[in-house]
Amino acid sequence: MKMREKIIRKRIAVLGCVAVVIIAAFVSYYFLTQRNVGRLISQGEHTNILFLGLDNAGDSNRSDTMMLVSLVPGEDIALLSLPRDLRVKFDNGEFHKLNASYAIGGPDLACETVSSLLGVSVPFYLTLDYVGFEQLIDHFGGVDIIVEEPMKYDDYRADPPLHIDIQAGAQRLDGKTALDYIRYRGGSSGDIGRITRQQKLIGAILGKGLQNQNIGSIRDIVRAIYPYLRTNLSLIDLYDLAKLLQGLDSTRLQMATVPGVPVSIDEISYLEPQVIEMEQLVARLIKGINILTPDQISVAVFNGSGQPLVASNTATYLHERAFRISKVANAETFDYDQTYIVALTGKEAAQILERALSEASTIVFPDEFEPHYSALKPLVPAGTNLILVTGAGFKVDNG
């Protein structure tokens, strides 16, 4: 009897040792193979995460929102929105809308499709459904937003029916109202307007919501919404990301949208990606490469201060630095108290010109520059990228 007990105890001990070895091997494998985001960032590696907002109303399972978050240590954080209607080619050769990738193959196919579209690695993903989004905003105590226009919209075909009624003006949105704010597609801007509102809301959350939380509160928020997430990031990864974003200076957040042109193919509406513009955007925001050069930028130079020869001297200065000059003339008035760069074809060209000038300037878009833009527009040749209006005291060094 005693011999049998010894044999049993020996077998139990052996099994225990085997179990310990198996557990140790598993733990070692886990830590050796984990692509920990915090570690990647600390090592200086570029890290891309695909964020998917899921429309899980009724029986649907669609990626209603798609954004690529790109992180690199010591540099700006880029957030690139991907319109869900972008027409993309799948591995099987068929064309679909981008958001079909999640419906067909889940987050893995969504990452593969975005990676192929943009030409960058997308190893991580994070999905959040409507309920989780509401919980996130409510845990922040709401978010302060200036609503641009009244938003009233009813969709009885939705399951459950969707009813949006938000007044214009400054207000604090709770979770449900914030969700309505980013789902609204009324107005002339449609889906692009919705993306703009999504970016605005994210900016508000990062600018104030996270800054008003201590790291303990942020961890509590991560744990609270974790049940609503589907991700290949660990809980530690999410803590690392939250900590990184909590200390983020809002000026280091760059947001943009993949450009596309509306097309209709086989009675289906798509956005056809503007490939050249998209590649330039990805090169600058995600790869850190500025592939737009001064010799690709055409500038119309106007004297807005009345200083003698300031427009011609500025044109010579810019020409020597490879910019193309399309026009040199007086502005409609000499009362400009500061220098303006009017971006006609995108902000990237304006930023390159701004860096080339030794004097301070303000970048604006045409609709922000009225009524001056309407007065100058007839004088600007076709194909011009930028209007430069020199203001009081502006000068360049042509020596």
Protein backbone atom coordinates (compact mmCIF):
# COMPACT_ATOMS: atom_id res chain seq x y z
CA MET A 1 0.00 0.00 0.00
CA LYS A 2 2.81 2.36 0.94
CA MET A 3 4.63 1.49 -2.27
CA ARG A 4 1.54 2.34 -4.30
CA GLU A 5 1.18 5.71 -2.55
CA LYS A 6 4.84 6.46 -3.32
CA ILE A 7 4.30 5.65 -6.99
CA ILE A 8 1.20 7.86 -7.13
CA ARG A 9 3.03 10.77 -5.43
CA LYS A 10 5.92 10.33 -7.85
CA ARG A 11 3.59 10.43 -10.84
CA ILE A 12 1.86 13.55 -9.50
CA ALA A 13 5.24 15.22 -9.03
CA VAL A 14 6.27 14.32 -12.57
CA LEU A 15 2.99 15.64 -13.99
CA GLY A 16 3.42 18.82 -11.97
CA CYS A 17 6.91 19.33 -13.37
CA VAL A 18 5.64 18.75 -16.91
CA ALA A 19 2.84 21.26 -16.34
CA VAL A 20 5.31 23.85 -15.04
CA VAL A 21 7.58 23.31 -18.06
CA ILE A 22 4.64 23.66 -20.48
CA ILE A 23 3.39 26.84 -18.78
CA ALA A 24 6.92 28.29 -18.70
CA ALA A 25 7.40 27.51 -22.39
CA PHE A 26 4.07 29.12 -23.25
CA VAL A 27 4.81 32.25 -21.24
CA SER A 28 8.28 32.52 -22.77
CA TYR A 29 6.88 32.09 -26.27
CA TYR A 30 4.23 34.73 -25.58
CA PHE A 31 6.68 37.35 -24.41
CA LEU A 32 9.19 36.55 -27.14
CA THR A 33 6.61 36.81 -29.92
CA GLN A 34 4.54 39.73 -28.62
CA ARG A 35 4.88 42.79 -30.87
CA ASN A 36 4.39 45.13 -27.92
CA VAL A 37 3.49 48.61 -29.15
CA GLY A 38 5.25 50.36 -26.29
CA ARG A 39 8.44 48.43 -27.03
CA LEU A 40 8.23 49.12 -30.77
CA ILE A 41 7.80 52.85 -30.13
CA SER A 42 10.66 52.95 -27.60
CA GLN A 43 12.90 51.21 -30.15
CA GLY A 44 12.12 53.91 -32.71
CA GLU A 45 10.02 51.73 -35.00
CA HIS A 46 7.14 53.10 -37.03
CA THR A 47 3.86 51.63 -35.77
CA ASN A 48 0.60 51.65 -37.73
CA ILE A 49 -2.75 50.74 -36.17
CA LEU A 50 -6.00 50.43 -38.12
CA PHE A 51 -8.98 51.72 -36.15
CA LEU A 52 -12.38 50.39 -37.21
CA GLY A 53 -15.64 51.82 -35.92
CA LEU A 54 -18.28 49.12 -36.33
CA ASP A 55 -21.88 49.66 -37.37
CA ASN A 56 -23.34 46.78 -35.42
CA ALA A 57 -26.94 47.96 -35.57
CA GLY A 58 -29.37 45.14 -36.27
CA ASP A 59 -27.78 42.25 -38.16
CA SER A 60 -25.11 44.35 -39.89
CA ASN A 61 -21.41 43.92 -39.24
CA ARG A 62 -19.78 46.71 -41.22
CA SER A 63 -16.80 48.98 -40.68
CA ASP A 64 -18.57 52.31 -40.69
CA THR A 65 -15.37 54.20 -39.85
CA MET A 66 -11.79 53.42 -40.92
CA MET A 67 -8.75 55.37 -39.75
CA LEU A 68 -5.05 54.57 -39.81
CA VAL A 69 -3.16 55.85 -36.77
CA SER A 70 0.58 56.11 -37.40
CA LEU A 71 3.02 56.51 -34.52
CA VAL A 72 6.73 57.17 -34.54
CA PRO A 73 8.80 58.29 -31.53
CA GLY A 74 9.58 61.98 -31.28
CA GLU A 75 7.50 62.87 -34.32
CA ASP A 76 3.94 63.87 -35.06
CA ILE A 77 1.14 61.35 -34.75
CA ALA A 78 -0.74 60.98 -38.03
CA LEU A 79 -4.40 60.06 -38.34
CA LEU A 80 -5.40 59.22 -41.89
CA SER A 81 -9.13 58.75 -42.52
CA LEU A 82 -10.14 56.26 -45.20
CA PRO A 83 -13.56 56.91 -46.79
CA ARG A 84 -15.57 53.72 -46.64
CA ASP A 85 -16.65 54.08 -50.30
CA LEU A 86 -13.10 54.04 -51.71
CA ARG A 87 -12.96 51.70 -54.71
CA VAL A 88 -10.17 49.20 -54.09
CA LYS A 89 -8.94 46.04 -55.74
CA PHE A 90 -8.94 42.88 -53.62
CA ASP A 91 -6.44 40.04 -53.91
CA ASN A 92 -8.90 38.02 -56.01
CA GLY A 93 -8.89 40.78 -58.64
CA GLU A 94 -12.38 42.03 -57.84
CA PHE A 95 -13.18 45.66 -57.00
CA HIS A 96 -15.22 46.51 -53.92
CA LYS A 97 -15.81 49.39 -51.57
CA LEU A 98 -13.12 49.54 -48.91
CA ASN A 99 -15.49 48.84 -46.02
CA ALA A 100 -16.46 45.53 -47.64
CA SER A 101 -13.05 44.19 -46.56
CA TYR A 102 -14.16 43.88 -42.94
CA ALA A 103 -17.52 42.35 -43.84
CA ILE A 104 -15.81 39.75 -46.07
CA GLY A 105 -12.72 38.86 -44.05
CA GLY A 106 -12.82 40.64 -40.72
CA PRO A 107 -10.02 42.83 -39.35
CA ASP A 108 -7.24 40.75 -40.91
CA LEU A 109 -8.51 41.35 -44.44
CA ALA A 110 -9.20 44.99 -43.60
CA CYS A 111 -5.55 45.42 -42.54
CA GLU A 112 -4.30 43.64 -45.66
CA THR A 113 -6.49 45.77 -47.94
CA VAL A 114 -5.45 49.06 -46.33
CA SER A 115 -1.80 47.96 -46.41
CA SER A 116 -2.05 47.21 -50.14
CA LEU A 117 -3.85 50.48 -50.85
CA LEU A 118 -1.40 52.72 -48.99
CA GLY A 119 1.80 50.73 -49.45
CA VAL A 120 2.60 50.56 -45.71
CA SER A 121 2.62 47.79 -43.13
CA VAL A 122 -0.51 47.59 -40.96
CA PRO A 123 0.18 44.94 -38.29
CA PHE A 124 -2.29 46.06 -35.64
CA TYR A 125 -6.03 46.67 -35.54
CA LEU A 126 -8.58 47.87 -33.02
CA THR A 127 -12.35 47.78 -33.46
CA LEU A 128 -14.94 49.61 -31.37
CA ASP A 129 -18.70 49.26 -31.74
CA TYR A 130 -21.41 51.87 -31.17
CA VAL A 131 -22.07 50.85 -27.58
CA GLY A 132 -18.37 51.01 -26.74
CA PHE A 133 -18.08 54.44 -28.35
CA GLU A 134 -20.95 55.79 -26.23
CA GLN A 135 -19.35 54.30 -23.13
CA LEU A 136 -16.01 55.92 -24.01
CA ILE A 137 -17.48 59.41 -24.36
CA ASP A 138 -19.59 59.06 -21.20
CA HIS A 139 -16.53 57.94 -19.21
CA PHE A 140 -14.85 61.19 -20.26
CA GLY A 141 -17.87 63.09 -18.94
CA GLY A 142 -18.83 64.14 -22.46
CA VAL A 143 -16.87 66.15 -25.00
CA ASP A 144 -17.07 69.87 -25.84
CA ILE A 145 -17.83 70.59 -29.51
CA ILE A 146 -19.03 73.54 -31.57
CA VAL A 147 -21.73 72.05 -33.80
CA GLU A 148 -21.49 73.78 -37.18
CA GLU A 149 -25.15 73.60 -38.21
CA PRO A 150 -28.44 72.12 -36.99
CA MET A 151 -28.46 68.37 -37.58
CA LYS A 152 -31.82 66.75 -38.09
CA TYR A 153 -32.07 63.37 -39.77
CA ASP A 154 -34.38 60.35 -39.63
CA ASP A 155 -33.70 56.92 -41.09
CA TYR A 156 -36.58 54.53 -40.54
CA ARG A 157 -34.81 51.82 -42.56
CA ALA A 158 -32.10 51.51 -39.95
CA ASP A 159 -32.45 48.79 -37.31
CA PRO A 160 -33.22 50.27 -34.88
CA PRO A 161 -34.54 53.44 -36.63
CA LEU A 162 -32.10 56.36 -36.45
CA HIS A 163 -33.29 59.77 -35.25
CA ILE A 164 -30.77 62.63 -35.03
CA ASP A 165 -31.67 66.07 -33.70
CA ILE A 166 -28.73 68.24 -32.61
CA GLN A 167 -28.83 72.01 -32.32
CA ALA A 168 -26.06 74.25 -33.66
CA GLY A 169 -23.61 75.97 -31.34
CA ALA A 170 -21.17 75.20 -28.53
CA GLN A 171 -22.25 72.32 -26.32
CA ARG A 172 -21.10 69.26 -24.42
CA LEU A 173 -22.12 66.04 -26.13
CA ASP A 174 -22.82 62.90 -24.16
CA GLY A 175 -22.08 59.47 -25.62
CA LYS A 176 -25.33 59.03 -27.54
CA THR A 177 -25.31 62.57 -28.97
CA ALA A 178 -21.62 62.31 -29.91
CA LEU A 179 -22.43 59.10 -31.80
CA ASP A 180 -25.27 60.88 -33.62
CA TYR A 181 -22.87 63.75 -34.42
CA ILE A 182 -20.38 61.48 -36.22
CA ARG A 183 -23.06 59.33 -37.89
CA TYR A 184 -24.92 62.29 -39.41
CA ARG A 185 -24.61 62.41 -43.20
CA GLY A 186 -26.97 65.24 -44.05
CA GLY A 187 -25.94 68.47 -45.72
CA SER A 188 -24.06 68.98 -48.98
CA SER A 189 -20.76 67.46 -47.77
CA GLY A 190 -22.21 63.97 -47.17
CA ASP A 191 -19.72 61.30 -46.14
CA ILE A 192 -16.70 63.62 -46.36
CA GLY A 193 -18.44 65.97 -43.91
CA ARG A 194 -18.96 63.02 -41.58
CA ILE A 195 -15.22 62.23 -41.72
CA THR A 196 -14.43 65.87 -40.94
CA ARG A 197 -16.67 65.69 -37.87
CA GLN A 198 -15.01 62.45 -36.77
CA GLN A 199 -11.61 64.12 -36.93
CA LYS A 200 -12.93 67.18 -35.10
CA LEU A 201 -14.32 65.00 -32.31
CA ILE A 202 -11.05 63.07 -31.99
CA GLY A 203 -9.16 66.36 -31.80
CA ALA A 204 -11.49 67.50 -29.00
CA ILE A 205 -10.99 64.25 -27.08
CA LEU A 206 -7.21 64.35 -27.42
CA GLY A 207 -7.00 68.08 -26.85
CA LYS A 208 -9.01 68.24 -23.63
CA GLY A 209 -10.69 64.96 -22.74
CA LEU A 210 -7.49 62.98 -22.23
CA GLN A 211 -5.52 65.91 -20.86
CA ASN A 212 -7.99 66.28 -17.98
CA GLN A 213 -7.50 62.65 -16.91
CA ASN A 214 -4.72 61.21 -14.80
CA ILE A 215 -3.12 57.94 -15.85
CA GLY A 216 -5.14 55.99 -13.28
CA SER A 217 -8.41 57.35 -14.69
CA ILE A 218 -7.30 56.53 -18.23
CA ARG A 219 -6.54 52.95 -17.22
CA ASP A 220 -10.01 52.73 -15.69
CA ILE A 221 -11.50 53.94 -18.99
CA VAL A 222 -9.46 51.39 -20.98
CA ARG A 223 -10.66 48.58 -18.73
CA ALA A 224 -14.27 49.80 -18.97
CA ILE A 225 -14.39 49.78 -22.78
CA TYR A 226 -12.18 46.70 -23.23
CA PRO A 227 -15.21 44.35 -23.46
CA TYR A 228 -16.40 46.33 -26.50
CA LEU A 229 -13.08 46.06 -28.33
CA ARG A 230 -11.79 43.49 -30.77
CA THR A 231 -8.04 43.87 -31.19
CA ASN A 232 -4.72 42.09 -31.53
CA LEU A 233 -3.25 44.59 -29.06
CA SER A 234 -2.78 43.46 -25.47
CA LEU A 235 -4.19 45.33 -22.50
CA ILE A 236 -0.64 46.52 -21.77
CA ASP A 237 -0.44 47.85 -25.36
CA LEU A 238 -3.64 49.80 -24.81
CA TYR A 239 -2.28 51.28 -21.58
CA ASP A 240 0.90 52.31 -23.43
CA LEU A 241 -1.12 53.95 -26.19
CA ALA A 242 -3.37 55.75 -23.73
CA LYS A 243 -0.32 57.03 -21.85
CA LEU A 244 1.26 58.23 -25.10
CA LEU A 245 -1.90 60.04 -26.17
CA GLN A 246 -2.49 61.46 -22.70
CA GLY A 247 0.72 63.46 -22.94
CA LEU A 248 0.25 64.44 -26.58
CA ASP A 249 0.58 68.07 -27.56
CA SER A 250 -2.40 68.73 -29.86
CA THR A 251 -0.09 70.53 -32.31
CA ARG A 252 1.64 67.18 -32.92
CA LEU A 253 -1.53 65.54 -34.22
CA GLN A 254 -1.83 65.64 -38.02
CA MET A 255 -5.14 64.59 -39.58
CA ALA A 256 -5.93 64.07 -43.24
CA THR A 257 -8.26 62.09 -45.52
CA VAL A 258 -7.40 59.88 -48.48
CA PRO A 259 -8.60 61.92 -51.49
CA GLY A 260 -11.08 60.44 -53.94
CA VAL A 261 -13.28 61.40 -56.89
CA PRO A 262 -16.95 60.31 -56.97
CA VAL A 263 -17.66 57.79 -59.75
CA SER A 264 -20.55 55.51 -60.66
CA ILE A 265 -19.77 52.03 -62.02
CA ASP A 266 -22.52 49.51 -62.75
CA GLU A 267 -24.92 51.83 -60.90
CA ILE A 268 -22.81 51.67 -57.74
CA SER A 269 -21.38 54.88 -56.28
CA TYR A 270 -17.71 54.81 -55.33
CA LEU A 271 -14.85 57.16 -54.50
CA GLU A 272 -12.00 56.52 -56.94
CA PRO A 273 -8.71 57.13 -55.07
CA GLN A 274 -6.59 59.98 -56.44
CA VAL A 275 -3.45 57.90 -56.58
CA ILE A 276 -0.78 60.60 -56.95
CA GLU A 277 -2.25 62.80 -54.24
CA MET A 278 -2.72 59.76 -51.99
CA GLU A 279 0.90 58.67 -52.43
CA GLN A 280 2.12 62.18 -51.62
CA LEU A 281 -0.05 62.23 -48.51
CA VAL A 282 1.17 58.84 -47.31
CA ALA A 283 4.80 59.75 -48.05
CA ARG A 284 4.55 62.92 -45.97
CA LEU A 285 2.34 61.81 -43.09
CA ILE A 286 3.30 58.17 -42.61
CA LYS A 287 6.68 57.63 -44.27
CA GLY A 288 8.08 61.03 -43.33
CA ILE A 289 9.08 61.79 -46.93
CA ASN A 290 8.16 65.06 -48.61
CA ILE A 291 7.96 64.21 -52.29
CA LEU A 292 6.43 67.53 -53.34
CA THR A 293 9.27 69.86 -54.38
CA PRO A 294 9.32 73.63 -55.08
CA ASP A 295 9.72 73.12 -58.83
CA GLN A 296 6.26 71.51 -58.79
CA ILE A 297 4.66 74.54 -57.13
CA SER A 298 3.33 77.51 -59.10
CA VAL A 299 2.96 80.81 -57.20
CA ALA A 300 1.18 84.06 -58.09
CA VAL A 301 2.83 86.94 -56.18
CA PHE A 302 0.87 90.10 -55.34
CA ASN A 303 2.05 93.30 -53.65
CA GLY A 304 -0.42 93.99 -50.84
CA SER A 305 1.52 96.69 -49.02
CA GLY A 306 2.51 99.19 -51.70
CA GLN A 307 6.22 98.82 -51.00
CA PRO A 308 8.15 99.46 -54.24
CA LEU A 309 9.37 96.33 -56.05
CA VAL A 310 8.39 93.97 -53.21
CA ALA A 311 6.41 91.65 -55.52
CA SER A 312 9.13 91.44 -58.19
CA ASN A 313 11.88 90.98 -55.58
CA THR A 314 9.87 88.22 -53.93
CA ALA A 315 9.26 86.54 -57.29
CA THR A 316 13.00 86.59 -58.02
CA TYR A 317 13.74 85.18 -54.57
CA LEU A 318 11.30 82.32 -55.07
CA HIS A 319 12.44 81.64 -58.62
CA GLU A 320 16.00 81.22 -57.37
CA ARG A 321 14.66 78.58 -54.99
CA ALA A 322 13.03 76.64 -57.86
CA PHE A 323 9.43 77.80 -57.40
CA ARG A 324 7.50 78.48 -60.59
CA ILE A 325 6.11 82.02 -60.81
CA SER A 326 2.81 82.35 -62.67
CA LYS A 327 2.03 86.03 -62.00
CA VAL A 328 3.58 89.19 -60.51
CA ALA A 329 1.22 92.13 -59.90
CA ASN A 330 -0.29 94.55 -57.40
CA ALA A 331 -3.08 93.31 -55.17
CA GLU A 332 -6.51 94.96 -55.24
CA THR A 333 -5.48 97.08 -52.23
CA PHE A 334 -2.29 98.08 -50.44
CA ASP A 335 -3.92 97.78 -47.01
CA TYR A 336 -2.73 94.26 -46.13
CA ASP A 337 -1.25 94.38 -42.63
CA GLN A 338 0.19 90.85 -42.85
CA THR A 339 1.37 88.39 -45.49
CA TYR A 340 -0.98 85.63 -46.67
CA ILE A 341 -0.46 82.36 -48.54
CA VAL A 342 -3.71 81.23 -50.16
CA ALA A 343 -3.71 77.43 -50.69
CA LEU A 344 -5.53 76.71 -53.95
CA THR A 345 -4.56 73.03 -54.35
CA GLY A 346 -3.74 71.79 -50.86
CA LYS A 347 -1.97 72.80 -47.68
CA GLU A 348 1.23 70.84 -48.34
CA ALA A 349 2.41 73.24 -51.06
CA ALA A 350 1.55 76.20 -48.82
CA GLN A 351 3.66 74.79 -46.00
CA ILE A 352 6.64 74.35 -48.34
CA LEU A 353 6.35 78.00 -49.44
CA GLU A 354 5.92 79.14 -45.84
CA ARG A 355 9.18 77.43 -44.86
CA ALA A 356 10.98 79.06 -47.80
CA LEU A 357 10.08 82.57 -46.63
CA SER A 358 12.14 84.36 -44.00
CA GLU A 359 9.15 86.49 -42.92
CA ALA A 360 6.07 85.27 -41.06
CA SER A 361 3.00 84.45 -43.12
CA THR A 362 -0.52 83.09 -42.59
CA ILE A 363 -1.87 80.13 -44.58
CA VAL A 364 -5.54 80.39 -45.56
CA PHE A 365 -7.93 78.70 -47.96
CA PRO A 366 -9.95 80.63 -50.56
CA ASP A 367 -13.22 80.63 -48.57
CA GLU A 368 -11.35 82.03 -45.56
CA PHE A 369 -9.87 84.84 -47.65
CA GLU A 370 -13.00 86.53 -48.90
CA PRO A 371 -13.63 89.13 -50.24
CA HIS A 372 -9.94 89.42 -51.21
CA TYR A 373 -9.93 86.08 -53.02
CA SER A 374 -12.84 87.09 -55.30
CA ALA A 375 -10.97 90.27 -56.23
CA LEU A 376 -7.70 88.44 -57.00
CA LYS A 377 -9.11 85.33 -58.62
CA PRO A 378 -9.53 86.86 -62.14
CA LEU A 379 -5.83 87.79 -62.12
CA VAL A 380 -4.57 84.29 -61.24
CA PRO A 381 -3.55 82.09 -64.21
CA ALA A 382 -4.92 78.56 -64.49
CA GLY A 383 -2.72 75.92 -62.89
CA THR A 384 -1.52 78.17 -60.09
CA ASN A 385 -1.11 76.35 -56.77
CA LEU A 386 -0.65 79.28 -54.40
CA ILE A 387 -1.35 82.98 -54.11
CA LEU A 388 1.19 84.96 -52.09
CA VAL A 389 0.08 88.43 -50.97
CA THR A 390 2.85 90.41 -49.29
CA GLY A 391 1.77 92.52 -46.32
CA ALA A 392 3.20 95.47 -44.42
CA GLY A 393 6.92 95.18 -43.69
CA PHE A 394 7.41 92.03 -45.76
CA LYS A 395 10.78 91.66 -47.43
CA VAL A 396 13.10 89.01 -48.84
CA ASP A 397 16.85 88.79 -48.90
CA ASN A 398 17.96 88.66 -52.54
CA GLY A 399 21.57 89.20 -51.66
